[in-house]
C-alpha atoms as a PDB file:
ATOM      1  CA  MET A   1       2.448  -8.730  12.941  1.00  0.00           C
ATOM      2  CA  ILE A   2      -0.048  -5.882  12.623  1.00  0.00           C
ATOM      3  CA  GLU A   3      -1.244  -4.169   9.480  1.00  0.00           C
ATOM      4  CA  LEU A   4       0.381  -0.804   8.779  1.00  0.00           C
ATOM      5  CA  ALA A   5       0.106   1.511   5.782  1.00  0.00           C
ATOM      6  CA  MET A   6       2.527   3.767   3.964  1.00  0.00           C
ATOM      7  CA  VAL A   7       1.751   6.346   1.271  1.00  0.00           C
ATOM      8  CA  PHE A   8       4.545   6.610  -1.288  1.00  0.00           C
ATOM      9  CA  ALA A   9       5.523   8.857  -4.164  1.00  0.00           C
ATOM     10  CA  LYS A  10       5.908   7.774  -7.802  1.00  0.00           C
ATOM     11  CA  ASP A  11       9.638   7.269  -7.164  1.00  0.00           C
ATOM     12  CA  GLY A  12       8.932   4.895  -4.248  1.00  0.00           C
ATOM     13  CA  SER A  13       9.911   7.318  -1.481  1.00  0.00           C
ATOM     14  CA  ALA A  14       7.756   7.345   1.649  1.00  0.00           C
ATOM     15  CA  LEU A  15       5.372  10.288   2.054  1.00  0.00           C
ATOM     16  CA  PHE A  16       3.441   9.170   5.161  1.00  0.00           C
ATOM     17  CA  TRP A  17       3.316   6.204   7.565  1.00  0.00           C
ATOM     18  CA  LEU A  18       0.081   5.136   9.303  1.00  0.00           C
ATOM     19  CA  GLY A  19       0.145   3.004  12.443  1.00  0.00           C
ATOM     20  CA  PRO A  20       0.054   1.494  14.964  1.00  0.00           C
ATOM     21  CA  ASN A  21      -2.870   3.330  16.663  1.00  0.00           C
ATOM     22  CA  GLY A  22      -6.009   1.373  15.840  1.00  0.00           C
ATOM     23  CA  CYS A  23      -4.147  -1.051  13.576  1.00  0.00           C
ATOM     24  CA  THR A  24      -4.723  -4.761  14.202  1.00  0.00           C
ATOM     25  CA  SER A  25      -3.496  -8.025  12.741  1.00  0.00           C
ATOM     26  CA  GLY A  26      -6.446  -7.830  10.364  1.00  0.00           C
ATOM     27  CA  SER A  27      -6.917  -4.195   9.393  1.00  0.00           C
ATOM     28  CA  VAL A  28      -5.717  -0.639   9.044  1.00  0.00           C
ATOM     29  CA  PRO A  29      -8.452   1.659  10.362  1.00  0.00           C
ATOM     30  CA  ASP A  30     -10.232   4.237   8.240  1.00  0.00           C
ATOM     31  CA  SER A  31      -8.474   7.494   8.900  1.00  0.00           C
ATOM     32  CA  HIS A  32      -9.162  11.117   8.010  1.00  0.00           C
ATOM     33  CA  VAL A  33      -5.431  11.774   8.472  1.00  0.00           C
ATOM     34  CA  LEU A  34      -4.562   9.087   5.904  1.00  0.00           C
ATOM     35  CA  TRP A  35      -7.042  10.437   3.331  1.00  0.00           C
ATOM     36  CA  ASP A  36      -5.767  13.982   3.982  1.00  0.00           C
ATOM     37  CA  ARG A  37      -2.173  12.889   3.269  1.00  0.00           C
ATOM     38  CA  ILE A  38      -3.252  11.054   0.140  1.00  0.00           C
ATOM     39  CA  TRP A  39      -5.179  14.118  -1.087  1.00  0.00           C
ATOM     40  CA  ARG A  40      -2.393  16.593  -0.248  1.00  0.00           C
ATOM     41  CA  ASN A  41       0.089  14.475  -2.184  1.00  0.00           C
ATOM     42  CA  ARG A  42      -2.238  13.680  -5.116  1.00  0.00           C
ATOM     43  CA  GLU A  43       0.155  15.178  -7.688  1.00  0.00           C
ATOM     44  CA  VAL A  44       3.105  12.979  -6.671  1.00  0.00           C
ATOM     45  CA  ILE A  45       1.466   9.906  -5.131  1.00  0.00           C
ATOM     46  CA  GLY A  46       2.381   6.546  -6.605  1.00  0.00           C
ATOM     47  CA  GLY A  47       0.312   4.378  -4.286  1.00  0.00           C
ATOM     48  CA  VAL A  48      -0.340   3.049  -0.826  1.00  0.00           C
ATOM     49  CA  ALA A  49       1.382  -0.027   0.592  1.00  0.00           C
ATOM     50  CA  HIS A  50       0.113  -2.017   3.530  1.00  0.00           C
ATOM     51  CA  THR A  51       1.081  -5.177   5.348  1.00  0.00           C
ATOM     52  CA  HIS A  52      -0.694  -8.503   5.709  1.00  0.00           C
ATOM     53  CA  PRO A  53       0.359 -10.939   8.424  1.00  0.00           C
ATOM     54  CA  GLY A  54       2.105 -14.162   7.498  1.00  0.00           C
ATOM     55  CA  ASP A  55       4.539 -15.438   4.893  1.00  0.00           C
ATOM     56  CA  GLY A  56       4.315 -15.865   1.158  1.00  0.00           C
ATOM     57  CA  PRO A  57       2.412 -14.052  -1.553  1.00  0.00           C
ATOM     58  CA  THR A  58      -0.856 -12.524  -0.403  1.00  0.00           C
ATOM     59  CA  GLY A  59      -4.045 -11.644  -2.183  1.00  0.00           C
ATOM     60  CA  ALA A  60      -6.128  -8.523  -1.803  1.00  0.00           C
ATOM     61  CA  SER A  61      -9.175  -8.815   0.468  1.00  0.00           C
ATOM     62  CA  HIS A  62     -12.627  -7.544  -0.511  1.00  0.00           C
ATOM     63  CA  THR A  63     -12.023  -4.570   1.813  1.00  0.00           C
ATOM     64  CA  ASP A  64      -8.687  -3.923   0.087  1.00  0.00           C
ATOM     65  CA  LEU A  65     -10.309  -3.954  -3.358  1.00  0.00           C
ATOM     66  CA  THR A  66     -13.139  -1.607  -2.402  1.00  0.00           C
ATOM     67  CA  THR A  67     -10.656   0.731  -0.707  1.00  0.00           C
ATOM     68  CA  PHE A  68      -8.422   0.770  -3.800  1.00  0.00           C
ATOM     69  CA  ALA A  69     -11.401   1.613  -6.001  1.00  0.00           C
ATOM     70  CA  ALA A  70     -12.766   4.320  -3.675  1.00  0.00           C
ATOM     71  CA  ILE A  71      -9.428   6.127  -3.323  1.00  0.00           C
ATOM     72  CA  GLU A  72      -8.740   5.976  -7.064  1.00  0.00           C
ATOM     73  CA  SER A  73     -12.236   7.277  -7.758  1.00  0.00           C
ATOM     74  CA  GLY A  74     -11.693  10.183  -5.358  1.00  0.00           C
ATOM     75  CA  LEU A  75      -8.323  11.043  -6.886  1.00  0.00           C
ATOM     76  CA  GLY A  76      -9.360  10.413 -10.485  1.00  0.00           C
ATOM     77  CA  LYS A  77      -6.238   8.357 -11.177  1.00  0.00           C
ATOM     78  CA  ARG A  78      -4.853   4.846 -10.889  1.00  0.00           C
ATOM     79  CA  LEU A  79      -2.295   3.904  -8.234  1.00  0.00           C
ATOM     80  CA  ILE A  80      -0.113   0.949  -7.286  1.00  0.00           C
ATOM     81  CA  TRP A  81      -1.226  -1.032  -4.207  1.00  0.00           C
ATOM     82  CA  PRO A  82       1.611  -3.129  -2.742  1.00  0.00           C
ATOM     83  CA  ILE A  83       0.651  -5.681  -0.106  1.00  0.00           C
ATOM     84  CA  VAL A  84       3.659  -6.710   1.960  1.00  0.00           C
ATOM     85  CA  SER A  85       3.937 -10.017   3.851  1.00  0.00           C
ATOM     86  CA  SER A  86       6.974 -10.996   5.889  1.00  0.00           C
ATOM     87  CA  THR A  87       8.529 -12.588   2.789  1.00  0.00           C
ATOM     88  CA  HIS A  88       6.817 -11.197  -0.347  1.00  0.00           C
ATOM     89  CA  VAL A  89       5.430  -8.059  -1.959  1.00  0.00           C
ATOM     90  CA  SER A  90       2.445  -8.251  -4.300  1.00  0.00           C
ATOM     91  CA  PHE A  91       1.828  -5.150  -6.449  1.00  0.00           C
ATOM     92  CA  PHE A  92      -1.862  -4.732  -7.302  1.00  0.00           C
ATOM     93  CA  GLN A  93      -2.964  -2.478 -10.153  1.00  0.00           C
ATOM     94  CA  TYR A  94      -6.253  -2.065 -11.977  1.00  0.00           C
ATOM     95  CA  TRP A  95      -6.218  -3.532 -15.477  1.00  0.00           C
ATOM     96  CA  GLU A  96      -8.899  -2.398 -17.917  1.00  0.00           C
ATOM     97  CA  LEU A  97      -8.715  -5.640 -19.892  1.00  0.00           C
ATOM     98  CA  SER A  98      -9.854  -7.749 -16.942  1.00  0.00           C
ATOM     99  CA  LYS A  99     -11.808  -4.952 -15.198  1.00  0.00           C
ATOM    100  CA  SER A 100     -10.140  -5.974 -11.931  1.00  0.00           C
ATOM    101  CA  TYR A 101      -7.120  -5.461  -9.717  1.00  0.00           C
ATOM    102  CA  VAL A 102      -4.365  -7.931 -10.517  1.00  0.00           C
ATOM    103  CA  ASP A 103      -0.931  -8.645  -9.106  1.00  0.00           C
ATOM    104  CA  SER A 104       1.403  -6.904 -11.538  1.00  0.00           C
ATOM    105  CA  LYS A 105       5.002  -7.945 -12.008  1.00  0.00           C
ATOM    106  CA  ASN A 106       5.641  -4.799 -14.079  1.00  0.00           C
ATOM    107  CA  VAL A 107       6.119  -2.116 -11.445  1.00  0.00           C
ATOM    108  CA  ASP A 108       8.663   0.509 -12.453  1.00  0.00           C
ATOM    109  CA  PHE A 109      10.111   2.605  -9.646  1.00  0.00           C
ATOM    110  CA  ARG A 110      12.937   4.951 -10.575  1.00  0.00           C
ATOM    111  CA  ASP A 111      14.798   4.227  -7.350  1.00  0.00           C
ATOM    112  CA  MET A 112      14.281   0.537  -6.641  1.00  0.00           C
ATOM    113  CA  ASN A 113      16.966   0.395  -3.926  1.00  0.00           C
ATOM    114  CA  HIS A 114      15.096   3.053  -1.962  1.00  0.00           C
ATOM    115  CA  TRP A 115      11.789   1.231  -2.493  1.00  0.00           C
ATOM    116  CA  PHE A 116      13.171  -2.019  -1.063  1.00  0.00           C
ATOM    117  CA  GLU A 117      14.464  -0.146   1.998  1.00  0.00           C
ATOM    118  CA  VAL A 118      10.964   1.259   2.522  1.00  0.00           C
ATOM    119  CA  VAL A 119       9.444  -2.244   2.293  1.00  0.00           C
ATOM    120  CA  LYS A 120      12.037  -3.540   4.765  1.00  0.00           C
ATOM    121  CA  THR A 121      11.092  -0.753   7.194  1.00  0.00           C
ATOM    122  CA  LEU A 122       7.367  -1.417   6.712  1.00  0.00           C
ATOM    123  CA  ARG A 123       7.882  -5.115   7.523  1.00  0.00           C
ATOM    124  CA  HIS A 124       9.970  -4.318  10.579  1.00  0.00           C
ATOM    125  CA  LEU A 125       7.517  -1.786  12.020  1.00  0.00           C
ATOM    126  CA  SER A 126       4.627  -4.177  11.363  1.00  0.00           C
ATOM    127  CA  GLN A 127       6.325  -6.968  13.306  1.00  0.00           C
ATOM    128  CA  ILE A 128       7.123  -4.811  16.336  1.00  0.00           C
ATOM    129  CA  GLY A 129       3.744  -3.065  16.336  1.00  0.00           C
ATOM    130  CA  GLY A 130       4.812   0.261  14.897  1.00  0.00           C
END
C-alpha cells in the first residue's frame, strides 16, 4: 500500500487525486500541483484525505499535523483531514478547546454514499499503487 491523497469538496465529492508519482508507503510528496488544486478550489474545499498503510484506526503523524496547520493557515479556514487505512477512516479536525487536531466522529457530509465510494476508490488505488 502506498500513500495517496485526494482533495474533496464540502459535499465529499472528489476534486483532485494525487499519486502515485513520488508517493511511497510512508509519504505523499510535497507538490505544487496539489497546492494549486487546493488553492483553486478554496471556496468549495472540504478537506484532503490521504492513506496510511496497514489496518485499523490510524493516528496523524507529526508531518501530517504540520501539513494540516500550514494548509489551513494559507487558506484561512479549517478543513477535515481523513486518514484512510485498509479498514478504517479517521477524520481529523482542529478543535479550539484542545488546541490540537483530534479524530472527530462528527463529520457531516451531505452525500455520505458518495463519500464512502470515494474512500473505497482511494483504498483500492493505494493498494495497487495508483
